[in-house]
Each structure stands twice: as C-alpha cells, then as structure tokens.
Amino acid sequence: MKNTLKLIGIIAITAITALAMIGCPNGTTGFTVTFDSQGGSSVAQITGVTSGTTITTPTPDPTRSGHTFGGWFKEAVCTNAWNFGSDTVTSNITLYAKWTADTYTVSFDSQGGSSVDPISGISSGATITRPTPDPTRSGHTFDGWFKEAACTNQWNFETDTVTSSITLYAKWVEVTVSPFEGTWINNVVNTRAYIFNGNNFTIINQSKGTFEYTDTELTLTFTEVFSNVTGAWTSEWDPESMPPNPTVCSYTISGNELSLTYSLEYDSEEYVTEILTKPFEGSWSSSLGIENIYEFSGNNLVYYVMGNPYAKGTFEYTKTEITFTFTDAWYEGAWVPISELPEDVSVSGATSTMPYTISGNQITLGSNGNPNVLTKQ
C-alpha cells in the first residue's frame, strides 16, 4: 500500500512539472521577444517572458537617419501594430520597426527680387530641380541660389542634397546702367535711331556691335551690318562704304539730348555732329484711368493700373510710332510670363503699335477718337 501511494505521488509530481513546462522552451526560461529595427539602431531583446503576459515598450525608441519611428509591428510589412497594453506573448516572436521617410521643404528668399514658390515633400538625401523662371529684380542681374544670406556658398542643384528644411538665398549683381541706355532718335532722320542696351548698341537698319565710353568719348565697335538687299544682318564689313571700325565719337549729354561728333571716313579730319533725343523716360500718368502709370527705363516698360502692377515688357519707337511688347503680367502677387497665365486670364494689348506725338511734357498715344495722353510726373 505504501509503495502504491509513493508511486502515485511520483506520477503526480511529474505531471505537474510537465504542465508547468508546457510552452516554455529550453526548460523554464520563458519566451523571447526579438526586435528587428529594419535599418534603425539596435534594440535589446526581452527574454524570460511568461506565456500569456504582456511586455513593456522598449526604451528608448530606435533611431534611423532621415526617418521617423512609427511603432512596433507584428510583421515586417508593418500591417498590424503590437499593442503593448493588451497583446500577450505566447511564443518566441519578432517585432518589426515601422519607419516613415522624413520629408523637407526648401524655401527661397529672393532678397528683394520677385517671389519664388517653395518646394515641399522632399525626401532626405534627394536633390532638387532649380526653380524656373529665375527671380527678377529691377536694376540687378540674378547670380544663383546660395546657402546663406551673405551668398558665400552656392547651392549645386546637381550634387547638393536636402537633409533638413532649409532656405536658399538669391544673389544679385547690381547692373551699372550707362548714360546711353535706351533708344535715341535722330532729330532730322525720323527712321534713324540708336538703341543702347547694356554694352551693346544697334543703329536701326544699319549696324550693331558693342561700345565703351569715357567721360568725353564713345567708342562704337561694329560687329554686324544690315543689308538692304537681303534684308538680313551680316558680319561682312565694307570699309569703303561704312564708317571707321571702331568709330570714336566725342559726345555730350544734356537731359534727354545726346550729341555725337565723329568722322565718316578713316583718317579724315572732317566731322559730322548728330543730335539724338530720348523722349520716353521716367514715369508718365495716363488719361485713361486714375493712377494708371507708364514707367519707362531704357527700353523697359512697367505699366500700372489703379496704382497696382499690371504688365511689364519692352518698347521700341521711331520718330512717329511706338511699339509695346508686354512679356509678363502681375498675377496673384508675382510676375508671371504671359505665356504661362491661366487660359481665363488675358492681358489686353500685349503687343501693340501706335502713332504718337510729343508736346511739352505730354505724349499723345494713338490717333483715334479716344487717345491716351501721358503726362510727365
């Protein structure tokens, strides 16, 4: 009897021990939870987890350059999140880190120029495309985008990558405008006019080239001549029929009048003097509306309607006619090329040619029943 009871006791103890060890691998060590950071920093596994119990969220969270941690999931594709408050461990498992790639914004500070829209949604380590068109600023030339406001280090759009939200800064080079800038018309020959633009000049339907000047002399270096036979420009220069190349002129400028004195032949001491005038310059108010303003500068024009920017472009003129060519319109707080405006937005008179007359401080544009009278401000 005693032996029977002893045997029953041994069997009972063995059964209890076996039940206690069911589901516990490697004896009584419990389960192991492994954390796969999927490219992030390592996280230590949790061992000895009792079956049916929850686990504590490991701290700190893993990190990964250019990414934001999004929690631990039950599968590598990160479909089902592990709930550390209610999910229980019933076997050895691996949890997987979810990552969301960081995106950044590049802003553009035009530093006095026209506005440029920011670029957003940029992935870490990506390059960006140079924004177009370049910003503009009156009296300046755009010279690229730089990493700091002082414009020391230029941004390379081919190789520089975005790793945070940043601001790029426009660099500007001030344009030195010569006293000749603009269109000057011969007082005698209506169709003869000089157009000076930067360091280039064109004598309408005659010749073109570059120029240099001192306080008293203007040197014209001809590079092309206009052929009345072919109606085209050519680089062939005939010294027998054309003036000396280069031609050195003595000059004086008084207000809107330019006097040029030069020789028409090589090694000649016979000189001619040509008087040129530039009637379109400065701000002129229009009779067609309150605060409608034309601003002429060189060969550039900005038109304001009711005191607000409306359109800008260039203009050319002879003794009797002027042609406006507007290239940009003011739209939603910025200059936009007319060709890029929405279909339902138009600019009236984008290109127009009209006769004009000048009397004192007034210019009359057009000859119909409702002329546009400009008054010098």
Protein backbone atom coordinates (compact mmCIF):
# COMPACT_ATOMS: atom_id res chain seq x y z
CA MET A 1 0.00 0.00 0.00
CA LYS A 2 2.75 2.42 0.90
CA ASN A 3 4.57 1.63 -2.31
CA THR A 4 1.39 2.31 -4.32
CA LEU A 5 0.86 5.70 -2.70
CA LYS A 6 4.50 6.58 -3.27
CA LEU A 7 4.18 5.71 -6.97
CA ILE A 8 1.02 7.82 -7.30
CA GLY A 9 2.85 10.77 -5.71
CA ILE A 10 5.76 10.49 -8.09
CA ILE A 11 3.42 10.40 -11.08
CA ALA A 12 1.52 13.47 -9.81
CA ILE A 13 4.71 15.49 -9.30
CA THR A 14 5.95 14.52 -12.75
CA ALA A 15 2.64 15.58 -14.32
CA ILE A 16 2.66 18.97 -12.57
CA THR A 17 6.24 19.59 -13.62
CA ALA A 18 5.38 18.67 -17.21
CA LEU A 19 2.37 21.01 -17.23
CA ALA A 20 4.46 23.83 -15.87
CA MET A 21 6.97 23.35 -18.63
CA ILE A 22 4.41 23.14 -21.48
CA GLY A 23 5.01 26.07 -23.90
CA CYS A 24 8.28 27.05 -22.20
CA PRO A 25 11.18 26.34 -24.50
CA ASN A 26 14.52 25.31 -23.12
CA GLY A 27 13.17 24.34 -19.79
CA THR A 28 11.68 27.09 -17.62
CA THR A 29 13.46 30.14 -19.22
CA GLY A 30 10.23 31.57 -20.78
CA PHE A 31 9.76 33.16 -24.21
CA THR A 32 11.97 35.64 -26.06
CA VAL A 33 10.76 38.75 -27.90
CA THR A 34 13.24 39.97 -30.53
CA PHE A 35 13.09 43.46 -32.05
CA ASP A 36 14.03 43.93 -35.72
CA SER A 37 14.75 47.64 -36.23
CA GLN A 38 14.74 47.26 -40.04
CA GLY A 39 17.63 49.62 -40.63
CA GLY A 40 17.44 51.55 -37.38
CA SER A 41 19.52 51.39 -34.24
CA SER A 42 19.54 48.07 -32.36
CA VAL A 43 17.09 47.28 -29.55
CA ALA A 44 17.84 44.56 -26.96
CA GLN A 45 15.57 41.53 -26.94
CA ILE A 46 13.35 40.67 -23.94
CA THR A 47 13.85 37.16 -22.53
CA GLY A 48 12.11 35.01 -19.97
CA VAL A 49 8.63 36.22 -20.83
CA THR A 50 5.93 34.12 -19.18
CA SER A 51 3.28 32.77 -21.53
CA GLY A 52 0.16 34.91 -21.67
CA THR A 53 1.76 38.05 -20.26
CA THR A 54 2.28 41.48 -21.82
CA ILE A 55 5.66 43.19 -22.27
CA THR A 56 6.83 46.73 -21.65
CA THR A 57 7.62 49.02 -24.58
CA PRO A 58 11.41 49.08 -25.00
CA THR A 59 13.03 52.44 -24.44
CA PRO A 60 14.43 54.46 -25.98
CA ASP A 61 12.83 54.12 -29.40
CA PRO A 62 15.24 53.15 -32.18
CA THR A 63 16.52 55.88 -34.49
CA ARG A 64 17.23 55.95 -38.20
CA SER A 65 18.71 58.81 -40.20
CA GLY A 66 16.15 60.61 -42.36
CA HIS A 67 13.21 58.67 -40.88
CA THR A 68 10.61 58.92 -38.14
CA PHE A 69 9.87 55.86 -35.96
CA GLY A 70 6.24 54.68 -36.27
CA GLY A 71 5.99 51.89 -33.68
CA TRP A 72 6.46 48.11 -33.45
CA PHE A 73 4.52 45.74 -35.70
CA LYS A 74 3.83 42.00 -35.86
CA GLU A 75 5.14 41.55 -39.39
CA ALA A 76 7.92 43.07 -41.49
CA VAL A 77 5.46 44.84 -43.79
CA CYS A 78 4.09 46.62 -40.71
CA THR A 79 0.38 45.92 -41.14
CA ASN A 80 -0.67 45.10 -37.55
CA ALA A 81 0.74 47.11 -34.70
CA TRP A 82 1.73 45.39 -31.46
CA ASN A 83 -0.33 46.73 -28.54
CA PHE A 84 1.93 46.70 -25.50
CA GLY A 85 -1.06 47.23 -23.23
CA SER A 86 -3.10 44.22 -24.32
CA ASP A 87 -1.19 41.91 -26.68
CA THR A 88 0.31 38.88 -24.86
CA VAL A 89 3.29 36.68 -25.63
CA THR A 90 2.52 33.01 -26.26
CA SER A 91 5.65 32.02 -28.17
CA ASN A 92 9.01 33.31 -29.30
CA ILE A 93 8.27 36.26 -31.60
CA THR A 94 9.93 39.08 -33.55
CA LEU A 95 8.50 42.59 -33.67
CA TYR A 96 9.38 44.94 -36.53
CA ALA A 97 10.04 48.66 -36.50
CA LYS A 98 7.99 50.83 -38.85
CA TRP A 99 9.70 53.84 -40.46
CA THR A 100 8.34 56.85 -42.36
CA ALA A 101 10.82 58.70 -44.52
CA ASP A 102 11.19 62.33 -43.42
CA THR A 103 10.26 64.99 -46.00
CA TYR A 104 11.54 68.53 -46.03
CA THR A 105 10.76 71.91 -47.55
CA VAL A 106 13.18 74.18 -49.40
CA SER A 107 12.17 77.85 -49.26
CA PHE A 108 13.62 80.55 -51.50
CA ASP A 109 14.43 84.02 -50.19
CA SER A 110 14.70 86.30 -53.22
CA GLN A 111 16.22 89.08 -51.12
CA GLY A 112 14.33 91.89 -52.81
CA GLY A 113 13.50 90.07 -56.03
CA SER A 114 10.27 88.53 -57.30
CA SER A 115 8.85 85.68 -55.23
CA VAL A 116 9.68 82.01 -55.84
CA ASP A 117 7.44 79.21 -54.56
CA PRO A 118 8.89 76.73 -52.03
CA ILE A 119 9.48 73.07 -52.89
CA SER A 120 7.93 70.67 -50.36
CA GLY A 121 7.74 66.92 -49.83
CA ILE A 122 11.46 66.35 -50.49
CA SER A 123 12.86 63.03 -49.25
CA SER A 124 16.03 63.08 -47.18
CA GLY A 125 19.13 62.83 -49.34
CA ALA A 126 17.37 63.87 -52.55
CA THR A 127 18.44 66.64 -54.93
CA ILE A 128 16.04 69.33 -56.14
CA THR A 129 15.43 70.93 -59.51
CA ARG A 130 16.38 74.56 -59.93
CA PRO A 131 13.17 76.63 -59.88
CA THR A 132 12.19 78.38 -63.09
CA PRO A 133 11.92 81.10 -64.08
CA ASP A 134 14.70 82.84 -62.19
CA PRO A 135 13.54 85.71 -59.96
CA THR A 136 13.91 89.24 -61.25
CA ARG A 137 14.87 92.49 -59.56
CA SER A 138 14.95 95.92 -61.10
CA GLY A 139 18.47 97.16 -61.76
CA HIS A 140 20.05 93.80 -60.92
CA THR A 141 21.13 90.55 -62.55
CA PHE A 142 20.34 87.23 -60.85
CA ASP A 143 23.52 85.27 -59.99
CA GLY A 144 22.25 82.00 -58.49
CA TRP A 145 20.97 80.48 -55.23
CA PHE A 146 23.19 80.33 -52.16
CA LYS A 147 23.16 78.54 -48.80
CA GLU A 148 23.35 81.69 -46.68
CA ALA A 149 22.08 85.26 -46.94
CA ALA A 150 25.64 86.54 -47.41
CA CYS A 151 25.82 84.39 -50.59
CA THR A 152 29.18 82.73 -49.87
CA ASN A 153 28.46 79.09 -50.80
CA GLN A 154 26.39 78.44 -53.90
CA TRP A 155 23.85 75.60 -53.95
CA ASN A 156 24.69 72.96 -56.57
CA PHE A 157 21.41 71.59 -57.90
CA GLU A 158 23.21 68.62 -59.45
CA THR A 159 25.01 67.33 -56.35
CA ASP A 160 23.79 69.06 -53.16
CA THR A 161 21.19 67.03 -51.27
CA VAL A 162 18.45 68.03 -48.84
CA THR A 163 18.71 66.61 -45.31
CA SER A 164 16.53 69.15 -43.47
CA SER A 165 14.17 72.02 -44.20
CA ILE A 166 16.32 74.90 -45.49
CA THR A 167 16.18 78.34 -47.09
CA LEU A 168 18.21 79.26 -50.17
CA TYR A 169 19.06 82.89 -50.89
CA ALA A 170 19.19 84.77 -54.18
CA LYS A 171 22.39 86.57 -55.09
CA TRP A 172 22.10 89.80 -57.04
CA VAL A 173 24.65 91.76 -59.01
CA GLU A 174 23.79 95.41 -59.43
CA VAL A 175 23.64 96.47 -63.05
CA THR A 176 25.57 99.60 -63.85
CA VAL A 177 23.45 101.43 -66.38
CA SER A 178 25.33 103.61 -68.82
CA PRO A 179 24.07 107.14 -69.53
CA PHE A 180 23.32 105.94 -73.07
CA GLU A 181 20.82 103.23 -72.05
CA GLY A 182 17.64 103.36 -74.11
CA THR A 183 16.53 104.46 -77.57
CA TRP A 184 17.76 107.74 -79.07
CA ILE A 185 16.15 109.16 -82.21
CA ASN A 186 17.85 111.33 -84.81
CA ASN A 187 16.24 114.77 -84.83
CA VAL A 188 16.45 115.04 -88.62
CA VAL A 189 16.05 111.50 -89.98
CA ASN A 190 12.88 110.05 -88.46
CA THR A 191 13.78 106.41 -89.08
CA ARG A 192 17.34 106.62 -87.75
CA ALA A 193 17.69 105.57 -84.12
CA TYR A 194 20.34 104.21 -81.76
CA ILE A 195 19.37 101.54 -79.23
CA PHE A 196 21.82 101.12 -76.34
CA ASN A 197 21.29 98.02 -74.17
CA GLY A 198 23.94 97.12 -71.60
CA ASN A 199 27.23 97.25 -73.52
CA ASN A 200 25.57 96.58 -76.87
CA PHE A 201 24.19 99.00 -79.41
CA THR A 202 22.11 98.83 -82.58
CA ILE A 203 21.67 101.53 -85.17
CA ILE A 204 18.28 100.54 -86.59
CA ASN A 205 18.53 99.00 -90.07
CA GLN A 206 22.22 99.86 -90.30
CA SER A 207 24.70 98.26 -87.90
CA LYS A 208 25.22 96.78 -84.45
CA GLY A 209 28.06 95.96 -82.06
CA THR A 210 29.47 96.84 -78.64
CA PHE A 211 30.55 100.12 -77.09
CA GLU A 212 32.81 101.59 -74.43
CA TYR A 213 32.90 105.12 -73.12
CA THR A 214 34.81 107.60 -71.03
CA ASP A 215 33.65 110.96 -69.72
CA THR A 216 34.08 112.52 -73.16
CA GLU A 217 34.41 109.75 -75.78
CA LEU A 218 32.11 106.98 -77.02
CA THR A 219 33.76 104.14 -78.97
CA LEU A 220 31.49 102.08 -81.24
CA THR A 221 32.89 98.70 -82.36
CA PHE A 222 30.78 97.29 -85.19
CA THR A 223 30.24 93.52 -85.43
CA GLU A 224 27.37 93.30 -87.94
CA VAL A 225 25.84 95.37 -90.70
CA PHE A 226 22.31 95.30 -92.12
CA SER A 227 21.97 94.55 -95.82
CA ASN A 228 19.15 96.39 -97.55
CA VAL A 229 19.49 93.93 -100.43
CA THR A 230 18.97 90.70 -98.46
CA GLY A 231 17.15 92.22 -95.51
CA ALA A 232 19.48 90.37 -93.13
CA TRP A 233 22.41 91.07 -90.79
CA THR A 234 25.90 90.08 -91.90
CA SER A 235 29.34 90.23 -90.30
CA GLU A 236 30.99 91.30 -93.57
CA TRP A 237 32.24 94.86 -93.15
CA ASP A 238 32.97 97.04 -96.19
CA PRO A 239 35.43 99.74 -95.15
CA GLU A 240 34.80 101.61 -98.39
CA SER A 241 31.12 102.21 -97.71
CA MET A 242 30.95 102.04 -93.92
CA PRO A 243 32.34 104.35 -91.23
CA PRO A 244 35.63 103.55 -89.47
CA ASN A 245 35.55 100.47 -87.28
CA PRO A 246 35.77 101.26 -84.45
CA THR A 247 34.31 104.74 -84.63
CA VAL A 248 35.34 107.10 -81.85
CA CYS A 249 32.80 109.82 -81.09
CA SER A 250 33.07 112.78 -78.83
CA TYR A 251 29.79 113.28 -77.03
CA THR A 252 27.78 115.40 -74.64
CA ILE A 253 24.56 114.51 -72.84
CA SER A 254 22.16 117.16 -71.59
CA GLY A 255 18.92 115.83 -70.20
CA ASN A 256 17.28 113.79 -72.95
CA GLU A 257 19.56 115.09 -75.70
CA LEU A 258 22.71 113.31 -76.92
CA SER A 259 25.20 114.98 -79.25
CA LEU A 260 27.66 112.75 -81.17
CA THR A 261 30.53 114.09 -83.23
CA TYR A 262 32.53 111.68 -85.42
CA SER A 263 34.26 111.17 -88.74
CA LEU A 264 32.61 109.21 -91.54
CA GLU A 265 35.91 108.13 -93.13
CA TYR A 266 39.22 106.67 -92.00
CA ASP A 267 42.00 109.23 -91.32
CA SER A 268 39.65 112.11 -92.10
CA GLU A 269 39.53 115.37 -90.24
CA GLU A 270 36.03 116.11 -91.47
CA TYR A 271 33.45 115.50 -88.74
CA VAL A 272 29.68 115.42 -88.53
CA THR A 273 27.53 116.05 -85.49
CA GLU A 274 24.38 114.08 -84.88
CA ILE A 275 21.75 115.24 -82.39
CA LEU A 276 19.67 112.49 -80.78
CA THR A 277 16.80 112.72 -78.32
CA LYS A 278 15.20 110.24 -75.93
CA PRO A 279 11.60 111.30 -75.29
CA PHE A 280 10.43 108.21 -73.35
CA GLU A 281 12.00 108.10 -69.89
CA GLY A 282 10.65 108.21 -66.35
CA SER A 283 7.07 107.99 -65.05
CA TRP A 284 4.06 109.19 -67.05
CA SER A 285 0.44 109.26 -65.83
CA SER A 286 -2.27 108.15 -68.26
CA SER A 287 -5.51 109.94 -69.11
CA LEU A 288 -7.28 106.55 -69.39
CA GLY A 289 -7.56 105.89 -65.67
CA ILE A 290 -6.78 107.11 -62.17
CA GLU A 291 -3.28 106.03 -61.13
CA ASN A 292 -2.61 104.38 -64.48
CA ILE A 293 1.14 104.87 -64.82
CA TYR A 294 3.71 104.09 -67.51
CA GLU A 295 7.29 103.76 -66.23
CA PHE A 296 9.90 103.93 -68.99
CA SER A 297 13.52 102.99 -68.24
CA GLY A 298 15.94 102.39 -71.08
CA ASN A 299 13.95 100.09 -73.35
CA ASN A 300 11.95 98.57 -70.49
CA LEU A 301 8.40 99.42 -69.52
CA VAL A 302 6.21 98.72 -66.48
CA TYR A 303 2.51 99.56 -66.66
CA TYR A 304 0.42 100.15 -63.52
CA VAL A 305 -3.39 100.14 -63.42
CA MET A 306 -5.04 101.94 -60.49
CA GLY A 307 -1.69 102.02 -58.75
CA ASN A 308 -1.12 98.26 -58.99
CA PRO A 309 1.38 96.46 -61.26
CA TYR A 310 -0.34 95.18 -64.40
CA ALA A 311 2.21 94.24 -67.06
CA LYS A 312 5.84 94.77 -68.00
CA GLY A 313 7.98 94.32 -71.07
CA THR A 314 9.95 96.29 -73.63
CA PHE A 315 9.28 99.03 -76.15
CA GLU A 316 10.75 100.39 -79.36
CA TYR A 317 9.97 103.58 -81.20
CA THR A 318 10.77 105.73 -84.21
CA LYS A 319 10.11 109.42 -84.61
CA THR A 320 6.41 108.77 -85.17
CA GLU A 321 5.47 105.30 -83.84
CA ILE A 322 5.95 103.32 -80.64
CA THR A 323 5.58 99.55 -80.15
CA PHE A 324 4.84 98.00 -76.75
CA THR A 325 5.67 94.31 -76.18
CA PHE A 326 4.50 93.09 -72.78
CA THR A 327 6.15 89.84 -71.68
CA ASP A 328 4.98 89.43 -68.06
CA ALA A 329 1.78 90.09 -66.13
CA TRP A 330 1.21 90.64 -62.41
CA TYR A 331 -0.79 87.63 -61.23
CA GLU A 332 -1.51 86.56 -57.65
CA GLY A 333 1.25 88.74 -56.21
CA ALA A 334 4.06 87.85 -58.62
CA TRP A 335 5.28 88.48 -62.16
CA VAL A 336 4.27 85.61 -64.42
CA PRO A 337 5.21 85.17 -68.12
CA ILE A 338 2.13 85.91 -70.20
CA SER A 339 2.53 82.55 -71.94
CA GLU A 340 2.10 80.79 -68.56
CA LEU A 341 -1.08 82.58 -67.44
CA PRO A 342 -4.27 80.50 -66.94
CA GLU A 343 -6.48 80.31 -70.01
CA ASP A 344 -9.11 82.56 -68.43
CA VAL A 345 -6.59 85.35 -67.76
CA SER A 346 -5.50 87.64 -70.59
CA VAL A 347 -3.54 90.87 -70.97
CA SER A 348 -5.06 93.38 -73.34
CA GLY A 349 -2.70 94.91 -75.87
CA ALA A 350 0.17 92.52 -75.17
CA THR A 351 1.81 93.76 -78.39
CA SER A 352 0.64 97.00 -79.94
CA THR A 353 1.98 99.67 -82.28
CA MET A 354 0.55 103.16 -82.36
CA PRO A 355 1.47 106.65 -83.55
CA TYR A 356 2.48 109.28 -81.03
CA THR A 357 3.13 112.99 -80.78
CA ILE A 358 5.02 114.97 -78.15
CA SER A 359 4.11 118.44 -76.95
CA GLY A 360 5.95 119.80 -73.96
CA ASN A 361 5.52 117.41 -71.02
CA GLN A 362 2.76 115.42 -72.72
CA ILE A 363 2.80 112.46 -75.10
CA THR A 364 -0.35 111.55 -77.05
CA LEU A 365 -0.60 107.87 -77.97
CA GLY A 366 -2.96 106.88 -80.78
CA SER A 367 -4.90 108.96 -83.23
CA ASN A 368 -8.46 107.67 -82.83
CA GLY A 369 -11.31 109.41 -81.03
CA ASN A 370 -10.03 108.41 -77.57
CA PRO A 371 -6.26 108.96 -77.50
CA ASN A 372 -4.14 108.09 -74.46
CA VAL A 373 -2.50 111.27 -73.19
CA LEU A 374 0.56 110.73 -71.00
CA THR A 375 1.75 113.49 -68.68
CA LYS A 376 5.29 113.52 -67.28
CA GLN A 377 5.24 113.18 -63.49
